[in-house]
Amino acid sequence: MTQHTEKAFESAIEDHLLTKGGYKHGDPNNFDRERCLDPTVLIPFIGTIEFSSDIIGYPLPKAF
């Protein structure tokens, strides 16, 4: 019998995101509730971004 509950719906969404959506399980202990982000995910992601003045609309300092 099919389970029709909020928990089953949540589990189905989570399963789909993890198996087909390219998402990974995060560690809740790394989540910064004050800033609403996981710095162990955000910082490496920012390091992969190629910044250019075309994207942000103004010249970048030489540090970038």
PDB file of N, CA and C in Angstrom:
ATOM      1  N   MET A   1       0.838  -1.178   0.000  1.00  0.00           N
ATOM      2  CA  MET A   1       0.000   0.000   0.000  1.00  0.00           C
ATOM      3  C   MET A   1       0.885   1.245   0.000  1.00  0.00           C
ATOM      4  N   THR A   2       0.519   2.240  -0.784  1.00  0.00           N
ATOM      5  CA  THR A   2       1.281   3.478  -0.869  1.00  0.00           C
ATOM      6  C   THR A   2       1.106   4.298   0.397  1.00  0.00           C
ATOM      7  N   GLN A   3       2.223   4.827   0.873  1.00  0.00           N
ATOM      8  CA  GLN A   3       2.197   5.644   2.082  1.00  0.00           C
ATOM      9  C   GLN A   3       1.992   7.106   1.680  1.00  0.00           C
ATOM     10  N   HIS A   4       0.908   7.723   2.143  1.00  0.00           N
ATOM     11  CA  HIS A   4       0.609   9.116   1.828  1.00  0.00           C
ATOM     12  C   HIS A   4       0.732   9.964   3.095  1.00  0.00           C
ATOM     13  N   THR A   5       1.943  10.344   3.401  1.00  0.00           N
ATOM     14  CA  THR A   5       2.182  11.179   4.573  1.00  0.00           C
ATOM     15  C   THR A   5       3.201  12.248   4.213  1.00  0.00           C
ATOM     16  N   GLU A   6       3.294  13.249   5.051  1.00  0.00           N
ATOM     17  CA  GLU A   6       4.282  14.302   4.862  1.00  0.00           C
ATOM     18  C   GLU A   6       5.698  13.722   4.860  1.00  0.00           C
ATOM     19  N   LYS A   7       5.960  12.775   5.756  1.00  0.00           N
ATOM     20  CA  LYS A   7       7.281  12.152   5.848  1.00  0.00           C
ATOM     21  C   LYS A   7       7.598  11.378   4.573  1.00  0.00           C
ATOM     22  N   ALA A   8       6.647  10.656   4.035  1.00  0.00           N
ATOM     23  CA  ALA A   8       6.874   9.905   2.795  1.00  0.00           C
ATOM     24  C   ALA A   8       7.152  10.857   1.639  1.00  0.00           C
ATOM     25  N   PHE A   9       6.407  11.966   1.583  1.00  0.00           N
ATOM     26  CA  PHE A   9       6.612  12.968   0.535  1.00  0.00           C
ATOM     27  C   PHE A   9       8.007  13.575   0.647  1.00  0.00           C
ATOM     28  N   GLU A  10       8.399  13.920   1.866  1.00  0.00           N
ATOM     29  CA  GLU A  10       9.735  14.468   2.111  1.00  0.00           C
ATOM     30  C   GLU A  10      10.816  13.465   1.701  1.00  0.00           C
ATOM     31  N   SER A  11      10.636  12.222   2.050  1.00  0.00           N
ATOM     32  CA  SER A  11      11.609  11.181   1.698  1.00  0.00           C
ATOM     33  C   SER A  11      11.709  10.996   0.194  1.00  0.00           C
ATOM     34  N   ALA A  12      10.574  11.047  -0.506  1.00  0.00           N
ATOM     35  CA  ALA A  12      10.579  10.903  -1.966  1.00  0.00           C
ATOM     36  C   ALA A  12      11.335  12.054  -2.624  1.00  0.00           C
ATOM     37  N   ILE A  13      11.116  13.266  -2.153  1.00  0.00           N
ATOM     38  CA  ILE A  13      11.821  14.434  -2.706  1.00  0.00           C
ATOM     39  C   ILE A  13      13.316  14.319  -2.427  1.00  0.00           C
ATOM     40  N   GLU A  14      13.668  13.983  -1.193  1.00  0.00           N
ATOM     41  CA  GLU A  14      15.073  13.855  -0.831  1.00  0.00           C
ATOM     42  C   GLU A  14      15.753  12.769  -1.673  1.00  0.00           C
ATOM     43  N   ASP A  15      15.091  11.633  -1.831  1.00  0.00           N
ATOM     44  CA  ASP A  15      15.655  10.544  -2.627  1.00  0.00           C
ATOM     45  C   ASP A  15      15.888  10.982  -4.072  1.00  0.00           C
ATOM     46  N   HIS A  16      14.928  11.673  -4.644  1.00  0.00           N
ATOM     47  CA  HIS A  16      15.061  12.130  -6.030  1.00  0.00           C
ATOM     48  C   HIS A  16      16.231  13.117  -6.172  1.00  0.00           C
ATOM     49  N   LEU A  17      16.329  14.077  -5.269  1.00  0.00           N
ATOM     50  CA  LEU A  17      17.405  15.064  -5.334  1.00  0.00           C
ATOM     51  C   LEU A  17      18.779  14.410  -5.179  1.00  0.00           C
ATOM     52  N   LEU A  18      18.867  13.404  -4.306  1.00  0.00           N
ATOM     53  CA  LEU A  18      20.149  12.750  -4.057  1.00  0.00           C
ATOM     54  C   LEU A  18      20.537  11.768  -5.164  1.00  0.00           C
ATOM     55  N   THR A  19      19.556  11.106  -5.767  1.00  0.00           N
ATOM     56  CA  THR A  19      19.870  10.091  -6.776  1.00  0.00           C
ATOM     57  C   THR A  19      19.856  10.618  -8.196  1.00  0.00           C
ATOM     58  N   LYS A  20      19.067  11.661  -8.453  1.00  0.00           N
ATOM     59  CA  LYS A  20      18.941  12.152  -9.829  1.00  0.00           C
ATOM     60  C   LYS A  20      19.212  13.636  -9.986  1.00  0.00           C
ATOM     61  N   GLY A  21      19.224  14.355  -8.879  1.00  0.00           N
ATOM     62  CA  GLY A  21      19.349  15.806  -8.951  1.00  0.00           C
ATOM     63  C   GLY A  21      20.739  16.356  -8.725  1.00  0.00           C
ATOM     64  N   GLY A  22      21.704  15.493  -8.447  1.00  0.00           N
ATOM     65  CA  GLY A  22      23.065  15.969  -8.247  1.00  0.00           C
ATOM     66  C   GLY A  22      23.344  16.529  -6.864  1.00  0.00           C
ATOM     67  N   TYR A  23      22.402  16.369  -5.953  1.00  0.00           N
ATOM     68  CA  TYR A  23      22.609  16.866  -4.593  1.00  0.00           C
ATOM     69  C   TYR A  23      23.378  15.858  -3.758  1.00  0.00           C
ATOM     70  N   LYS A  24      24.023  16.331  -2.700  1.00  0.00           N
ATOM     71  CA  LYS A  24      24.740  15.474  -1.759  1.00  0.00           C
ATOM     72  C   LYS A  24      24.212  15.771  -0.361  1.00  0.00           C
ATOM     73  N   HIS A  25      24.268  14.751   0.489  1.00  0.00           N
ATOM     74  CA  HIS A  25      23.892  14.948   1.895  1.00  0.00           C
ATOM     75  C   HIS A  25      24.903  15.869   2.555  1.00  0.00           C
ATOM     76  N   GLY A  26      24.433  16.850   3.270  1.00  0.00           N
ATOM     77  CA  GLY A  26      25.311  17.712   4.046  1.00  0.00           C
ATOM     78  C   GLY A  26      25.348  17.251   5.492  1.00  0.00           C
ATOM     79  N   ASP A  27      26.312  17.761   6.214  1.00  0.00           N
ATOM     80  CA  ASP A  27      26.412  17.461   7.636  1.00  0.00           C
ATOM     81  C   ASP A  27      25.722  18.580   8.401  1.00  0.00           C
ATOM     82  N   PRO A  28      24.632  18.279   9.102  1.00  0.00           N
ATOM     83  CA  PRO A  28      23.902  19.328   9.838  1.00  0.00           C
ATOM     84  C   PRO A  28      24.781  20.075  10.836  1.00  0.00           C
ATOM     85  N   ASN A  29      25.843  19.435  11.313  1.00  0.00           N
ATOM     86  CA  ASN A  29      26.732  20.091  12.274  1.00  0.00           C
ATOM     87  C   ASN A  29      27.538  21.218  11.630  1.00  0.00           C
ATOM     88  N   ASN A  30      27.661  21.213  10.306  1.00  0.00           N
ATOM     89  CA  ASN A  30      28.396  22.268   9.605  1.00  0.00           C
ATOM     90  C   ASN A  30      27.520  23.475   9.276  1.00  0.00           C
ATOM     91  N   PHE A  31      26.205  23.331   9.415  1.00  0.00           N
ATOM     92  CA  PHE A  31      25.296  24.400   9.018  1.00  0.00           C
ATOM     93  C   PHE A  31      25.330  25.546  10.021  1.00  0.00           C
ATOM     94  N   ASP A  32      25.585  26.752   9.518  1.00  0.00           N
ATOM     95  CA  ASP A  32      25.614  27.966  10.340  1.00  0.00           C
ATOM     96  C   ASP A  32      24.208  28.563  10.331  1.00  0.00           C
ATOM     97  N   ARG A  33      23.465  28.349  11.399  1.00  0.00           N
ATOM     98  CA  ARG A  33      22.075  28.812  11.464  1.00  0.00           C
ATOM     99  C   ARG A  33      21.960  30.339  11.425  1.00  0.00           C
ATOM    100  N   GLU A  34      22.924  31.017  11.981  1.00  0.00           N
ATOM    101  CA  GLU A  34      22.885  32.484  11.997  1.00  0.00           C
ATOM    102  C   GLU A  34      22.987  33.048  10.578  1.00  0.00           C
ATOM    103  N   ARG A  35      23.825  32.448   9.767  1.00  0.00           N
ATOM    104  CA  ARG A  35      24.035  32.937   8.398  1.00  0.00           C
ATOM    105  C   ARG A  35      23.236  32.144   7.355  1.00  0.00           C
ATOM    106  N   CYS A  36      22.596  31.066   7.793  1.00  0.00           N
ATOM    107  CA  CYS A  36      21.786  30.202   6.923  1.00  0.00           C
ATOM    108  C   CYS A  36      22.586  29.645   5.754  1.00  0.00           C
ATOM    109  N   LEU A  37      23.764  29.104   6.061  1.00  0.00           N
ATOM    110  CA  LEU A  37      24.584  28.487   5.024  1.00  0.00           C
ATOM    111  C   LEU A  37      25.539  27.481   5.635  1.00  0.00           C
ATOM    112  N   ASP A  38      26.088  26.652   4.769  1.00  0.00           N
ATOM    113  CA  ASP A  38      27.095  25.678   5.176  1.00  0.00           C
ATOM    114  C   ASP A  38      28.425  26.132   4.590  1.00  0.00           C
ATOM    115  N   PRO A  39      29.304  26.704   5.399  1.00  0.00           N
ATOM    116  CA  PRO A  39      30.560  27.220   4.869  1.00  0.00           C
ATOM    117  C   PRO A  39      31.448  26.138   4.248  1.00  0.00           C
ATOM    118  N   THR A  40      31.278  24.872   4.655  1.00  0.00           N
ATOM    119  CA  THR A  40      32.080  23.805   4.064  1.00  0.00           C
ATOM    120  C   THR A  40      31.655  23.500   2.637  1.00  0.00           C
ATOM    121  N   VAL A  41      30.484  23.981   2.249  1.00  0.00           N
ATOM    122  CA  VAL A  41      30.004  23.838   0.871  1.00  0.00           C
ATOM    123  C   VAL A  41      30.203  25.158   0.122  1.00  0.00           C
ATOM    124  N   LEU A  42      29.855  26.272   0.761  1.00  0.00           N
ATOM    125  CA  LEU A  42      29.899  27.574   0.098  1.00  0.00           C
ATOM    126  C   LEU A  42      31.316  28.017  -0.275  1.00  0.00           C
ATOM    127  N   ILE A  43      32.250  27.915   0.656  1.00  0.00           N
ATOM    128  CA  ILE A  43      33.613  28.408   0.402  1.00  0.00           C
ATOM    129  C   ILE A  43      34.262  27.674  -0.783  1.00  0.00           C
ATOM    130  N   PRO A  44      34.226  26.338  -0.837  1.00  0.00           N
ATOM    131  CA  PRO A  44      34.785  25.672  -2.015  1.00  0.00           C
ATOM    132  C   PRO A  44      34.063  26.045  -3.314  1.00  0.00           C
ATOM    133  N   PHE A  45      32.747  26.227  -3.245  1.00  0.00           N
ATOM    134  CA  PHE A  45      31.996  26.618  -4.436  1.00  0.00           C
ATOM    135  C   PHE A  45      32.452  27.977  -4.944  1.00  0.00           C
ATOM    136  N   ILE A  46      32.603  28.937  -4.052  1.00  0.00           N
ATOM    137  CA  ILE A  46      33.046  30.274  -4.457  1.00  0.00           C
ATOM    138  C   ILE A  46      34.413  30.193  -5.130  1.00  0.00           C
ATOM    139  N   GLY A  47      35.255  29.292  -4.658  1.00  0.00           N
ATOM    140  CA  GLY A  47      36.577  29.125  -5.245  1.00  0.00           C
ATOM    141  C   GLY A  47      36.546  28.615  -6.681  1.00  0.00           C
ATOM    142  N   THR A  48      35.426  28.046  -7.100  1.00  0.00           N
ATOM    143  CA  THR A  48      35.323  27.523  -8.474  1.00  0.00           C
ATOM    144  C   THR A  48      34.783  28.553  -9.457  1.00  0.00           C
ATOM    145  N   ILE A  49      34.285  29.667  -8.957  1.00  0.00           N
ATOM    146  CA  ILE A  49      33.671  30.676  -9.820  1.00  0.00           C
ATOM    147  C   ILE A  49      34.741  31.545 -10.469  1.00  0.00           C
ATOM    148  N   GLU A  50      34.609  31.754 -11.750  1.00  0.00           N
ATOM    149  CA  GLU A  50      35.517  32.647 -12.461  1.00  0.00           C
ATOM    150  C   GLU A  50      34.844  34.023 -12.530  1.00  0.00           C
ATOM    151  N   PHE A  51      35.395  34.960 -11.806  1.00  0.00           N
ATOM    152  CA  PHE A  51      34.825  36.299 -11.774  1.00  0.00           C
ATOM    153  C   PHE A  51      35.303  37.100 -12.976  1.00  0.00           C
ATOM    154  N   SER A  52      34.421  37.896 -13.519  1.00  0.00           N
ATOM    155  CA  SER A  52      34.818  38.817 -14.581  1.00  0.00           C
ATOM    156  C   SER A  52      33.972  40.079 -14.468  1.00  0.00           C
ATOM    157  N   SER A  53      34.486  41.173 -14.976  1.00  0.00           N
ATOM    158  CA  SER A  53      33.744  42.429 -14.907  1.00  0.00           C
ATOM    159  C   SER A  53      32.484  42.360 -15.753  1.00  0.00           C
ATOM    160  N   ASP A  54      32.438  41.463 -16.747  1.00  0.00           N
ATOM    161  CA  ASP A  54      31.229  41.319 -17.561  1.00  0.00           C
ATOM    162  C   ASP A  54      30.063  40.795 -16.726  1.00  0.00           C
ATOM    163  N   ILE A  55      30.375  39.953 -15.776  1.00  0.00           N
ATOM    164  CA  ILE A  55      29.314  39.364 -14.951  1.00  0.00           C
ATOM    165  C   ILE A  55      28.788  40.365 -13.935  1.00  0.00           C
ATOM    166  N   ILE A  56      29.673  41.073 -13.251  1.00  0.00           N
ATOM    167  CA  ILE A  56      29.220  41.945 -12.170  1.00  0.00           C
ATOM    168  C   ILE A  56      28.978  43.379 -12.609  1.00  0.00           C
ATOM    169  N   GLY A  57      29.449  43.756 -13.792  1.00  0.00           N
ATOM    170  CA  GLY A  57      29.114  45.066 -14.336  1.00  0.00           C
ATOM    171  C   GLY A  57      30.038  46.200 -13.983  1.00  0.00           C
ATOM    172  N   TYR A  58      31.156  45.932 -13.301  1.00  0.00           N
ATOM    173  CA  TYR A  58      32.124  47.002 -13.005  1.00  0.00           C
ATOM    174  C   TYR A  58      33.506  46.371 -12.887  1.00  0.00           C
ATOM    175  N   PRO A  59      34.548  47.151 -13.033  1.00  0.00           N
ATOM    176  CA  PRO A  59      35.908  46.607 -12.968  1.00  0.00           C
ATOM    177  C   PRO A  59      36.202  45.964 -11.615  1.00  0.00           C
ATOM    178  N   LEU A  60      36.913  44.887 -11.649  1.00  0.00           N
ATOM    179  CA  LEU A  60      37.291  44.192 -10.426  1.00  0.00           C
ATOM    180  C   LEU A  60      38.644  44.662  -9.928  1.00  0.00           C
ATOM    181  N   PRO A  61      38.861  44.654  -8.618  1.00  0.00           N
ATOM    182  CA  PRO A  61      40.189  44.968  -8.092  1.00  0.00           C
ATOM    183  C   PRO A  61      41.191  43.912  -8.561  1.00  0.00           C
ATOM    184  N   LYS A  62      42.468  44.228  -8.532  1.00  0.00           N
ATOM    185  CA  LYS A  62      43.509  43.333  -9.035  1.00  0.00           C
ATOM    186  C   LYS A  62      43.574  42.020  -8.267  1.00  0.00           C
ATOM    187  N   ALA A  63      43.049  41.966  -7.051  1.00  0.00           N
ATOM    188  CA  ALA A  63      43.088  40.738  -6.263  1.00  0.00           C
ATOM    189  C   ALA A  63      42.281  39.625  -6.930  1.00  0.00           C
ATOM    190  N   PHE A  64      41.342  39.973  -7.800  1.00  0.00           N
ATOM    191  CA  PHE A  64      40.536  38.959  -8.471  1.00  0.00           C
ATOM    192  C   PHE A  64      41.154  38.669  -9.811  1.00  0.00           C
TER     193      PHE A  64
END
